[in-house]
Amino acid sequence: MEGIKARLGEGNKNWVEELPHVLWAHRTMIKSSHGDMPFSLTYGTKAVIPVEIEMPTYRTTAVDVVNNDKELCLNLDLLEERRERAA
């Protein structure tokens, strides 16, 4: 929360432009209370950060487009269990 306050604090006239970046950081940061990211608990996968999109990494180049939907379904089966552990 301190990061949000610092970026969007009083006197910041660009808060509208800053808000998406602040929310992205908040959603993709590991929370110490449950050891997971809100993003991964919601979508069942780790977020691909903008740098990974522009610069190929193993995660972005190893995607099997044909089997991606099947793998996402398997991840969704495990997602409920991860959410329960985080609660």
C-alpha atoms as a PDB file:
ATOM      1  CA  MET A   1       0.000   0.000   0.000  1.00  0.00           C
ATOM      2  CA  GLU A   2       2.922   2.337   0.637  1.00  0.00           C
ATOM      3  CA  GLY A   3       3.919   2.091  -3.031  1.00  0.00           C
ATOM      4  CA  ILE A   4       0.419   3.032  -4.096  1.00  0.00           C
ATOM      5  CA  LYS A   5       0.387   5.991  -1.727  1.00  0.00           C
ATOM      6  CA  ALA A   6       3.818   7.121  -2.931  1.00  0.00           C
ATOM      7  CA  ARG A   7       2.934   6.977  -6.644  1.00  0.00           C
ATOM      8  CA  LEU A   8      -0.583   8.363  -6.342  1.00  0.00           C
ATOM      9  CA  GLY A   9      -0.115  10.670  -3.364  1.00  0.00           C
ATOM     10  CA  GLU A  10      -1.279  14.220  -2.980  1.00  0.00           C
ATOM     11  CA  GLY A  11       0.144  16.609  -5.492  1.00  0.00           C
ATOM     12  CA  ASN A  12       0.444  13.966  -8.233  1.00  0.00           C
ATOM     13  CA  LYS A  13      -1.531  15.462 -11.081  1.00  0.00           C
ATOM     14  CA  ASN A  14      -0.775  12.463 -13.331  1.00  0.00           C
ATOM     15  CA  TRP A  15      -2.525   9.916 -11.111  1.00  0.00           C
ATOM     16  CA  VAL A  16      -4.843   8.869 -13.955  1.00  0.00           C
ATOM     17  CA  GLU A  17      -1.846   7.859 -16.091  1.00  0.00           C
ATOM     18  CA  GLU A  18      -0.051   6.254 -13.132  1.00  0.00           C
ATOM     19  CA  LEU A  19      -2.996   4.176 -11.856  1.00  0.00           C
ATOM     20  CA  PRO A  20      -2.750   1.264 -14.366  1.00  0.00           C
ATOM     21  CA  HIS A  21       0.968   0.852 -13.614  1.00  0.00           C
ATOM     22  CA  VAL A  22       0.413   0.938  -9.869  1.00  0.00           C
ATOM     23  CA  LEU A  23      -2.425  -1.595 -10.056  1.00  0.00           C
ATOM     24  CA  TRP A  24      -0.338  -3.902 -12.264  1.00  0.00           C
ATOM     25  CA  ALA A  25       2.503  -3.803  -9.741  1.00  0.00           C
ATOM     26  CA  HIS A  26       0.086  -4.483  -6.886  1.00  0.00           C
ATOM     27  CA  ARG A  27      -1.551  -7.449  -8.658  1.00  0.00           C
ATOM     28  CA  THR A  28       1.710  -9.084  -9.717  1.00  0.00           C
ATOM     29  CA  MET A  29       3.606  -8.672  -6.436  1.00  0.00           C
ATOM     30  CA  ILE A  30       3.911 -11.734  -4.189  1.00  0.00           C
ATOM     31  CA  LYS A  31       1.962 -11.206  -0.987  1.00  0.00           C
ATOM     32  CA  SER A  32       3.711 -12.422   2.156  1.00  0.00           C
ATOM     33  CA  SER A  33       0.427 -13.437   3.814  1.00  0.00           C
ATOM     34  CA  HIS A  34      -0.149 -16.299   1.358  1.00  0.00           C
ATOM     35  CA  GLY A  35       3.020 -16.421  -0.752  1.00  0.00           C
ATOM     36  CA  ASP A  36       1.261 -15.923  -4.065  1.00  0.00           C
ATOM     37  CA  MET A  37       0.313 -13.143  -6.476  1.00  0.00           C
ATOM     38  CA  PRO A  38      -3.299 -11.933  -6.749  1.00  0.00           C
ATOM     39  CA  PHE A  39      -2.904 -12.232 -10.536  1.00  0.00           C
ATOM     40  CA  SER A  40      -1.984 -15.924 -10.405  1.00  0.00           C
ATOM     41  CA  LEU A  41      -4.785 -16.677  -7.935  1.00  0.00           C
ATOM     42  CA  THR A  42      -7.245 -15.049 -10.315  1.00  0.00           C
ATOM     43  CA  TYR A  43      -6.004 -16.395 -13.650  1.00  0.00           C
ATOM     44  CA  GLY A  44      -4.173 -19.557 -12.635  1.00  0.00           C
ATOM     45  CA  THR A  45      -0.892 -18.557 -14.237  1.00  0.00           C
ATOM     46  CA  LYS A  46       1.957 -16.137 -13.690  1.00  0.00           C
ATOM     47  CA  ALA A  47       1.700 -12.791 -15.429  1.00  0.00           C
ATOM     48  CA  VAL A  48       3.841 -12.158 -18.488  1.00  0.00           C
ATOM     49  CA  ILE A  49       5.459  -8.821 -17.802  1.00  0.00           C
ATOM     50  CA  PRO A  50       5.744  -6.280 -20.639  1.00  0.00           C
ATOM     51  CA  VAL A  51       9.518  -6.786 -20.908  1.00  0.00           C
ATOM     52  CA  GLU A  52       8.945 -10.501 -21.671  1.00  0.00           C
ATOM     53  CA  ILE A  53       6.599  -9.614 -24.522  1.00  0.00           C
ATOM     54  CA  GLU A  54       9.170  -7.468 -26.318  1.00  0.00           C
ATOM     55  CA  MET A  55      12.212  -9.594 -25.477  1.00  0.00           C
ATOM     56  CA  PRO A  56      11.727 -13.342 -26.020  1.00  0.00           C
ATOM     57  CA  THR A  57      12.115 -15.505 -22.935  1.00  0.00           C
ATOM     58  CA  TYR A  58      11.651 -19.221 -22.420  1.00  0.00           C
ATOM     59  CA  ARG A  59       8.088 -18.666 -21.183  1.00  0.00           C
ATOM     60  CA  THR A  60       7.042 -16.723 -24.276  1.00  0.00           C
ATOM     61  CA  THR A  61       8.843 -18.831 -26.882  1.00  0.00           C
ATOM     62  CA  ALA A  62       7.960 -22.257 -25.440  1.00  0.00           C
ATOM     63  CA  VAL A  63       4.196 -21.732 -25.694  1.00  0.00           C
ATOM     64  CA  ASP A  64       2.567 -24.574 -27.583  1.00  0.00           C
ATOM     65  CA  VAL A  65      -0.350 -22.817 -29.261  1.00  0.00           C
ATOM     66  CA  VAL A  66      -2.019 -26.099 -30.241  1.00  0.00           C
ATOM     67  CA  ASN A  67      -2.102 -27.500 -26.694  1.00  0.00           C
ATOM     68  CA  ASN A  68      -2.434 -24.187 -24.872  1.00  0.00           C
ATOM     69  CA  ASP A  69      -6.195 -24.489 -24.257  1.00  0.00           C
ATOM     70  CA  LYS A  70      -5.815 -28.000 -22.867  1.00  0.00           C
ATOM     71  CA  GLU A  71      -3.040 -26.883 -20.530  1.00  0.00           C
ATOM     72  CA  LEU A  72      -5.095 -23.891 -19.381  1.00  0.00           C
ATOM     73  CA  CYS A  73      -7.950 -26.234 -18.445  1.00  0.00           C
ATOM     74  CA  LEU A  74      -5.546 -28.330 -16.369  1.00  0.00           C
ATOM     75  CA  ASN A  75      -4.282 -25.195 -14.645  1.00  0.00           C
ATOM     76  CA  LEU A  76      -7.856 -24.147 -13.851  1.00  0.00           C
ATOM     77  CA  ASP A  77      -8.444 -27.497 -12.144  1.00  0.00           C
ATOM     78  CA  LEU A  78      -5.522 -26.753  -9.824  1.00  0.00           C
ATOM     79  CA  LEU A  79      -6.440 -23.100  -9.359  1.00  0.00           C
ATOM     80  CA  GLU A  80      -9.253 -23.741  -6.886  1.00  0.00           C
ATOM     81  CA  GLU A  81      -6.862 -25.702  -4.684  1.00  0.00           C
ATOM     82  CA  ARG A  82      -4.319 -22.838  -4.761  1.00  0.00           C
ATOM     83  CA  ARG A  83      -7.038 -20.339  -3.825  1.00  0.00           C
ATOM     84  CA  GLU A  84      -8.130 -22.470  -0.884  1.00  0.00           C
ATOM     85  CA  ARG A  85      -4.558 -22.719   0.393  1.00  0.00           C
ATOM     86  CA  ALA A  86      -4.144 -18.950   0.099  1.00  0.00           C
ATOM     87  CA  ALA A  87      -7.348 -18.189   2.038  1.00  0.00           C
END
